[in-house]
């Protein structure tokens, strides 16, 4: 009777081994779950960046205000008839002797 109990116990352990440590086992499922959560976070970040780019593209297609603002700030362009004043920040004035 004791031999039967030990044999059944060993068989139970042999059946459990693939569940915990084998291919498709618990450890592998947990690592896949972690990788999935990481990928979901990355996807959310990329979706927010894509939404910003999409809004910028829509602005560029529908109105000239964005183009004008971009030309003024990035390229330093001014309209005809406008007066452009450029101010320079002077460092603290030093008196040389």
Protein backbone atom coordinates (compact mmCIF):
# COMPACT_ATOMS: atom_id res chain seq x y z
CA UNK A 1 0.00 0.00 0.00
CA UNK A 2 2.85 2.34 0.85
CA UNK A 3 4.52 1.69 -2.49
CA UNK A 4 1.27 2.56 -4.31
CA UNK A 5 1.01 5.88 -2.44
CA UNK A 6 4.62 6.79 -3.22
CA UNK A 7 4.16 5.79 -6.87
CA UNK A 8 0.99 7.87 -7.21
CA UNK A 9 2.74 10.80 -5.52
CA UNK A 10 5.64 10.60 -7.96
CA UNK A 11 3.27 10.37 -10.91
CA UNK A 12 1.44 13.44 -9.63
CA UNK A 13 4.74 15.32 -9.46
CA UNK A 14 5.67 14.19 -12.98
CA UNK A 15 2.34 15.41 -14.29
CA UNK A 16 2.76 18.77 -12.51
CA UNK A 17 6.29 19.41 -13.78
CA UNK A 18 5.31 20.49 -17.34
CA UNK A 19 2.58 22.72 -15.91
CA UNK A 20 5.07 24.70 -13.85
CA UNK A 21 8.36 24.50 -15.75
CA UNK A 22 7.69 23.09 -19.22
CA UNK A 23 6.95 24.81 -22.52
CA UNK A 24 3.79 26.84 -22.05
CA UNK A 25 4.10 26.47 -18.30
CA UNK A 26 3.32 28.95 -15.57
CA UNK A 27 6.71 30.71 -15.71
CA UNK A 28 6.45 31.25 -19.45
CA UNK A 29 2.89 32.53 -19.14
CA UNK A 30 4.00 35.07 -16.54
CA UNK A 31 6.89 36.28 -18.71
CA UNK A 32 4.50 36.64 -21.67
CA UNK A 33 2.10 38.59 -19.47
CA UNK A 34 4.90 40.99 -18.45
CA UNK A 35 5.95 41.43 -22.08
CA UNK A 36 2.33 42.09 -23.05
CA UNK A 37 1.94 44.78 -20.38
CA UNK A 38 5.15 46.45 -21.54
CA UNK A 39 3.96 46.41 -25.15
CA UNK A 40 0.57 47.86 -24.16
CA UNK A 41 2.34 50.77 -22.42
CA UNK A 42 4.49 51.40 -25.50
CA UNK A 43 1.43 51.32 -27.73
CA UNK A 44 -0.33 53.92 -25.57
CA UNK A 45 2.69 56.22 -25.80
CA UNK A 46 2.85 55.84 -29.56
CA UNK A 47 -0.90 56.41 -29.87
CA UNK A 48 -0.61 59.71 -28.02
CA UNK A 49 2.27 60.81 -30.26
CA UNK A 50 0.28 59.77 -33.33
CA UNK A 51 -2.72 61.76 -32.12
CA UNK A 52 -0.56 64.87 -31.74
CA UNK A 53 0.89 64.42 -35.22
CA UNK A 54 -2.56 63.81 -36.67
CA UNK A 55 -3.87 67.01 -35.08
CA UNK A 56 -0.92 68.92 -36.49
CA UNK A 57 -1.53 67.49 -39.97
CA UNK A 58 -5.22 68.45 -39.79
CA UNK A 59 -4.23 71.98 -38.75
CA UNK A 60 -1.81 72.22 -41.64
CA UNK A 61 -4.42 70.99 -44.13
CA UNK A 62 -7.28 73.18 -42.95
CA UNK A 63 -5.76 76.50 -42.06
CA UNK A 64 -2.92 78.78 -42.92
CA UNK A 65 -2.45 79.96 -39.35
CA UNK A 66 -0.25 76.99 -38.46
CA UNK A 67 1.84 77.43 -41.60
CA UNK A 68 2.25 81.13 -40.91
CA UNK A 69 3.22 80.51 -37.30
CA UNK A 70 5.73 77.87 -38.33
CA UNK A 71 7.26 80.12 -40.99
CA UNK A 72 7.56 83.01 -38.56
CA UNK A 73 9.11 81.06 -35.71
CA UNK A 74 11.27 78.56 -37.61
CA UNK A 75 12.32 80.58 -40.63
CA UNK A 76 12.10 84.14 -39.30
CA UNK A 77 9.77 85.29 -42.07
CA UNK A 78 7.78 88.51 -41.87
CA UNK A 79 4.78 89.81 -43.86
CA UNK A 80 4.94 92.62 -46.38
CA UNK A 81 4.46 95.95 -44.69
CA UNK A 82 5.48 94.69 -41.27
CA UNK A 83 8.35 96.14 -39.32
CA UNK A 84 10.64 93.66 -37.66
CA UNK A 85 12.46 94.63 -34.48
CA UNK A 86 15.20 92.38 -33.23
CA UNK A 87 16.29 92.90 -29.66
CA UNK A 88 19.46 91.56 -28.20
CA UNK A 89 19.89 90.84 -24.53
CA UNK A 90 23.00 92.61 -23.35
CA UNK A 91 25.04 90.90 -20.69
CA UNK A 92 25.53 92.95 -17.55
CA UNK A 93 27.40 96.05 -18.62
CA UNK A 94 30.99 96.06 -17.51
CA UNK A 95 33.07 99.16 -17.40
CA UNK A 96 36.56 98.63 -18.70
CA UNK A 97 39.31 100.85 -17.33
